[in-house]
Structures are given as C-alpha cells and as structure tokens.
Amino acid sequence: MKGVILAGGLGTRLFPLTKITNKHLLPIYDRPMIYYPIECLVNAGVDDIMVVTGGRKSGDFLSLLGNGSEFGLKHLNYTYQEGEGGIAEALGLAEHWAGDDDICVVLGDNIIEKNIKAAVEDFRAQGKGAKIMLKKVHDPERFGVASLDGDKVSKIVEKPKQPESDLAVIGIYMYDNRVFDIIKTLEPSNRGELEITDVNNWYIQDGTMTYEVLEGWWTDAGTFPSLHKAANLVADGGANNLD
C-alpha cells in the first residue's frame, strides 16, 4: 500500500497567514501541520508516500521535509496540483506513481490522537474496494455524514440539514487502484471541483465500501478555530500515538 497526502489548495479560510505560506506548513503546537499526516501513515506501516501540494510556496515542502529521513523514510515523493480542482483531482495526480497498488489518502490538515494501523491492516485483508474513517461529532451538519447498513456504508450526504447519523466522514480514505479510473469519470460539482464524495459513492454503489470508527480525538485545522483547537489538543495529549 502507498500513502498520498493531499496538501494543496490556497487556504483562503486562513488568510492572511496563508498569503505567505502554504496552510500545511503552519504550526500545530510544536511542529508543522504536514508532519502529522506523514506520521499518521508511517505509524500505520505505510512508508511509500507522495505529497501532493500546490500554490506559490510549494518548494518550501522540499526544504522542510527533504527525502523524509526525519520520519524514517528512504524517500519522499512530491507532485504539484495547479489551482483548486478538488480532492479527487489532486488524488488523480498520483496515478502513475501508485501503479497497481492500493492507496491510503490523508488530507494534510487532519490531525488524529491515535493511529489507523488496524484499519489499514483490515483494508489490506479486505482485498478490494474502499474503506473510510468515520468519527462521531456533535455537529454532523458541517460534514459529509455516513449512514450505515451493518458493516457497509449505505450512503454519504454532504452537509445535510437533518443528518441521519452523527458519523462524519473524516479526511482518511483507502482505495484499491480502480480509484483512478473512477476519478476520470467524474464531472465537476457546482464548486467546479472533482469531489471525493462522488468517488466514495461509487464504491458504495459497488458494494465494496467499508468503514472504521476512529478512536481518540480528531480535528481538521483549516480554520482559525480548528487550528487553535488542534494546537491545544496536541499540547494536552500528543497526536498519532502508537497505542
């Protein structure tokens, strides 16, 4: 399995901080934000990683991360997304590098307390399809919300006014290599982007989407309140623990 970290975009919700740097290079307590998704993958046993970035400061990732040796990696791969074409478009840039391997995708602003090692191992045993990570939240109307049918996901609804569950789809996804052909069939949404929810719904219709409910806390860090929250959570208890 290979890992893909999506760290592009303009980070407009964090202006003016992101006028001078990429969002994923901002600090979360004592480390740059991008460290956390890398550690998330490494702790799960995924050590062949590509960072998808973009914007005017993309070269700073190379200056900061180098070949990934700080994380115990032999090599770290990079590619560049022009503009803001959506999560699915960014993932599609990893196609030739990923080859026939399964992939684990982590959004670059997702910070977790525990780790996803068990979920990754379960997906490897699954052999086909996709797996998403879910987390119970108090405000599911802000997220994509999953409805469940046994061990399968029956549907995902983006930001529903009346959520059917309190399970938010967080930014950690696992796919077999069919995902790249699926992305090629997508049409841009009203936002002009290729949406990862459309990819997930394809696997739901295929009957091969499974899920895991994440243990421990989770937050993104894409707004000022969530950036502050993430720093406090890390300061109080650490993140990406091996336990």
Protein backbone atom coordinates (compact mmCIF):
# COMPACT_ATOMS: atom_id res chain seq x y z
CA MET A 1 0.00 0.00 0.00
CA LYS A 2 1.14 3.52 -0.81
CA GLY A 3 0.23 6.71 1.00
CA VAL A 4 -0.93 10.00 -0.51
CA ILE A 5 -1.08 13.24 1.47
CA LEU A 6 -3.15 15.99 -0.11
CA ALA A 7 -1.62 19.33 0.86
CA GLY A 8 -2.58 21.69 -1.94
CA GLY A 9 -5.17 24.46 -2.11
CA LEU A 10 -4.93 28.13 -1.29
CA GLY A 11 -6.05 28.01 2.36
CA THR A 12 -8.25 31.06 1.94
CA ARG A 13 -10.01 30.48 5.26
CA LEU A 14 -6.69 31.13 6.99
CA PHE A 15 -5.84 34.42 5.27
CA PRO A 16 -3.69 36.42 5.92
CA LEU A 17 -1.44 33.65 7.29
CA THR A 18 -1.64 31.76 4.01
CA LYS A 19 -0.69 34.78 1.93
CA ILE A 20 2.93 33.98 2.74
CA THR A 21 2.94 30.19 3.13
CA ASN A 22 1.02 27.01 2.38
CA LYS A 23 -1.57 26.16 5.04
CA HIS A 24 0.04 22.79 5.70
CA LEU A 25 3.30 24.43 6.73
CA LEU A 26 1.66 26.40 9.56
CA PRO A 27 2.50 25.22 13.08
CA ILE A 28 0.31 22.90 15.13
CA TYR A 29 1.76 23.42 18.60
CA ASP A 30 5.44 22.49 18.19
CA ARG A 31 5.56 21.04 14.65
CA PRO A 32 4.44 21.98 11.15
CA MET A 33 0.98 20.73 10.22
CA ILE A 34 2.32 18.47 7.44
CA TYR A 35 4.24 16.37 9.99
CA TYR A 36 1.03 14.91 11.42
CA PRO A 37 -0.36 13.21 8.29
CA ILE A 38 3.12 11.86 7.49
CA GLU A 39 3.32 10.36 10.98
CA CYS A 40 -0.23 9.04 10.60
CA LEU A 41 0.85 6.97 7.58
CA VAL A 42 4.24 5.92 8.97
CA ASN A 43 2.65 4.75 12.24
CA ALA A 44 0.22 2.65 10.18
CA GLY A 45 3.07 0.91 8.37
CA VAL A 46 2.78 2.90 5.13
CA ASP A 47 6.25 4.14 4.21
CA ASP A 48 6.00 4.84 0.46
CA ILE A 49 4.44 8.31 0.46
CA MET A 50 3.63 11.06 -2.03
CA VAL A 51 2.82 14.64 -1.02
CA VAL A 52 0.51 16.47 -3.43
CA THR A 53 0.92 20.20 -2.99
CA GLY A 54 0.40 23.43 -4.92
CA GLY A 55 0.50 27.18 -4.75
CA ARG A 56 3.40 29.59 -4.84
CA LYS A 57 5.23 28.18 -1.82
CA SER A 58 5.22 24.52 -2.81
CA GLY A 59 9.03 24.41 -2.90
CA ASP A 60 9.06 25.01 0.84
CA PHE A 61 7.85 21.42 1.36
CA LEU A 62 11.09 20.12 -0.12
CA SER A 63 13.13 22.49 2.03
CA LEU A 64 11.29 21.34 5.15
CA LEU A 65 10.83 17.61 4.51
CA GLY A 66 13.68 16.70 2.19
CA ASN A 67 13.67 12.97 1.48
CA GLY A 68 11.66 12.14 4.61
CA SER A 69 14.59 10.74 6.59
CA GLU A 70 13.38 12.52 9.72
CA PHE A 71 10.38 10.17 9.66
CA GLY A 72 12.43 7.07 8.94
CA LEU A 73 11.63 7.13 5.21
CA LYS A 74 14.12 6.23 2.49
CA HIS A 75 12.42 8.57 0.03
CA LEU A 76 9.55 11.05 -0.15
CA ASN A 77 7.71 11.76 -3.39
CA TYR A 78 6.17 15.05 -4.48
CA THR A 79 3.78 16.23 -7.18
CA TYR A 80 2.10 19.55 -7.95
CA GLN A 81 -1.58 20.47 -8.33
CA GLU A 82 -2.32 23.59 -10.35
CA GLY A 83 -5.24 25.60 -9.00
CA GLU A 84 -8.02 24.15 -6.83
CA GLY A 85 -9.61 21.29 -8.73
CA GLY A 86 -10.77 19.38 -5.69
CA ILE A 87 -9.61 16.47 -3.58
CA ALA A 88 -10.37 13.86 -6.22
CA GLU A 89 -8.42 15.77 -8.89
CA ALA A 90 -5.44 16.04 -6.54
CA LEU A 91 -5.58 12.32 -5.85
CA GLY A 92 -5.65 11.61 -9.58
CA LEU A 93 -2.19 13.18 -9.91
CA ALA A 94 -0.75 10.19 -8.05
CA GLU A 95 -1.97 7.62 -10.60
CA HIS A 96 1.27 6.80 -12.42
CA TRP A 97 3.26 6.72 -9.20
CA ALA A 98 0.74 4.48 -7.42
CA GLY A 99 0.65 1.94 -10.22
CA ASP A 100 -1.33 -1.16 -9.26
CA ASP A 101 -1.01 -0.63 -5.50
CA ASP A 102 -3.78 0.16 -3.05
CA ILE A 103 -3.56 3.63 -1.56
CA CYS A 104 -4.28 5.33 1.74
CA VAL A 105 -5.17 9.01 1.38
CA VAL A 106 -4.85 11.52 4.22
CA LEU A 107 -5.88 15.15 3.95
CA GLY A 108 -2.97 17.32 5.01
CA ASP A 109 -4.90 19.25 7.66
CA ASN A 110 -6.26 16.21 9.53
CA ILE A 111 -4.84 15.64 13.00
CA ILE A 112 -5.63 12.48 14.98
CA GLU A 113 -4.79 11.36 18.51
CA LYS A 114 -4.36 7.61 17.96
CA ASN A 115 -3.43 5.76 14.78
CA ILE A 116 -5.06 3.90 11.88
CA LYS A 117 -2.83 0.83 11.82
CA ALA A 118 -5.67 -1.63 12.50
CA ALA A 119 -7.87 -0.04 9.82
CA VAL A 120 -5.05 -0.23 7.26
CA GLU A 121 -4.45 -3.90 8.08
CA ASP A 122 -8.18 -4.62 7.79
CA PHE A 123 -8.28 -2.94 4.40
CA ARG A 124 -5.31 -4.97 3.20
CA ALA A 125 -7.22 -8.11 4.21
CA GLN A 126 -10.37 -6.79 2.52
CA GLY A 127 -8.67 -7.23 -0.84
CA LYS A 128 -10.98 -5.00 -2.89
CA GLY A 129 -12.94 -1.78 -2.70
CA ALA A 130 -12.59 1.12 -0.29
CA LYS A 131 -12.62 1.98 3.40
CA ILE A 132 -13.35 5.32 5.01
CA MET A 133 -12.74 6.54 8.53
CA LEU A 134 -15.70 7.92 10.48
CA LYS A 135 -15.92 9.88 13.71
CA LYS A 136 -18.88 10.76 15.92
CA VAL A 137 -19.29 14.54 16.09
CA HIS A 138 -21.71 16.89 17.79
CA ASP A 139 -22.30 18.97 14.65
CA PRO A 140 -22.61 16.47 11.76
CA GLU A 141 -24.41 19.01 9.57
CA ARG A 142 -20.98 20.58 8.91
CA PHE A 143 -19.59 17.43 7.30
CA GLY A 144 -20.27 14.59 4.95
CA VAL A 145 -22.47 12.25 7.00
CA ALA A 146 -22.46 8.46 6.61
CA SER A 147 -25.50 6.23 7.00
CA LEU A 148 -24.69 2.62 7.85
CA ASP A 149 -26.13 -0.77 6.97
CA GLY A 150 -24.32 -3.38 9.04
CA ASP A 151 -20.62 -3.33 8.14
CA LYS A 152 -21.26 -1.33 4.97
CA VAL A 153 -21.91 2.34 4.29
CA SER A 154 -25.31 2.80 2.62
CA LYS A 155 -24.88 6.45 1.66
CA ILE A 156 -23.00 9.68 2.30
CA VAL A 157 -24.78 13.02 2.32
CA GLU A 158 -22.79 16.25 2.22
CA LYS A 159 -23.68 18.76 4.95
CA PRO A 160 -27.28 17.57 5.47
CA LYS A 161 -29.72 19.89 7.21
CA GLN A 162 -31.18 16.89 9.04
CA PRO A 163 -28.40 14.31 9.45
CA GLU A 164 -29.39 10.67 9.67
CA SER A 165 -26.42 9.92 11.94
CA ASP A 166 -23.69 11.68 13.90
CA LEU A 167 -20.90 9.94 11.96
CA ALA A 168 -18.79 12.38 9.98
CA VAL A 169 -16.57 11.24 7.13
CA ILE A 170 -13.10 12.47 8.05
CA GLY A 171 -10.21 13.00 5.67
CA ILE A 172 -8.72 9.49 5.68
CA TYR A 173 -9.64 7.18 2.80
CA MET A 174 -8.37 3.84 1.48
CA TYR A 175 -8.92 2.68 -2.11
CA ASP A 176 -7.97 -0.08 -4.48
CA ASN A 177 -6.35 1.00 -7.73
CA ARG A 178 -9.70 1.30 -9.51
CA VAL A 179 -10.00 4.72 -7.90
CA PHE A 180 -8.04 6.40 -10.69
CA ASP A 181 -10.41 5.14 -13.39
CA ILE A 182 -13.34 6.30 -11.25
CA ILE A 183 -11.87 9.79 -10.96
CA LYS A 184 -11.65 10.02 -14.76
CA THR A 185 -15.44 9.55 -15.00
CA LEU A 186 -16.31 12.38 -12.59
CA GLU A 187 -17.90 15.67 -13.57
CA PRO A 188 -17.10 18.88 -11.67
CA SER A 189 -19.54 19.82 -8.94
CA ASN A 190 -21.23 23.20 -8.55
CA ARG A 191 -17.99 24.32 -6.89
CA GLY A 192 -16.10 23.45 -10.07
CA GLU A 193 -14.23 20.65 -8.33
CA LEU A 194 -13.99 16.87 -8.57
CA GLU A 195 -15.48 15.70 -5.30
CA ILE A 196 -14.15 12.82 -3.21
CA THR A 197 -17.72 12.12 -2.06
CA ASP A 198 -18.55 11.11 -5.64
CA VAL A 199 -15.67 8.63 -5.51
CA ASN A 200 -16.93 7.24 -2.21
CA ASN A 201 -20.47 6.94 -3.52
CA TRP A 202 -19.18 4.92 -6.48
CA TYR A 203 -17.73 2.35 -4.10
CA ILE A 204 -20.95 2.37 -2.06
CA GLN A 205 -22.93 1.53 -5.21
CA ASP A 206 -20.34 -1.14 -5.99
CA GLY A 207 -21.00 -2.71 -2.59
CA THR A 208 -17.32 -2.64 -1.63
CA MET A 209 -17.19 0.32 0.76
CA THR A 210 -16.43 -0.48 4.40
CA TYR A 211 -15.70 1.78 7.36
CA GLU A 212 -13.92 2.10 10.69
CA VAL A 213 -14.89 4.46 13.50
CA LEU A 214 -11.79 6.34 14.60
CA GLU A 215 -10.73 6.04 18.23
CA GLY A 216 -9.46 9.07 20.12
CA TRP A 217 -9.92 12.66 19.08
CA TRP A 218 -9.78 14.08 15.59
CA THR A 219 -9.84 17.58 14.15
CA ASP A 220 -9.02 19.31 10.95
CA ALA A 221 -7.02 22.55 11.06
CA GLY A 222 -8.39 24.52 8.14
CA THR A 223 -9.97 27.43 10.02
CA PHE A 224 -8.72 29.68 12.80
CA PRO A 225 -10.91 27.98 15.47
CA SER A 226 -9.88 24.46 14.34
CA LEU A 227 -6.21 25.48 14.04
CA HIS A 228 -6.34 26.72 17.63
CA LYS A 229 -8.23 23.59 18.75
CA ALA A 230 -5.68 21.30 17.08
CA ALA A 231 -2.78 23.03 18.83
CA ASN A 232 -4.48 22.70 22.21
CA LEU A 233 -5.31 19.03 21.67
CA VAL A 234 -1.74 18.20 20.67
CA ALA A 235 -0.33 20.22 23.59
CA ASP A 236 -2.61 18.43 26.05
CA GLY A 237 -2.14 14.88 24.87
CA GLY A 238 0.00 14.44 21.79
CA ALA A 239 -1.07 13.04 18.42
CA ASN A 240 -0.50 9.98 16.26
CA ASN A 241 0.33 7.80 19.24
CA LEU A 242 1.29 4.19 18.60
CA ASP A 243 -1.05 2.83 21.30
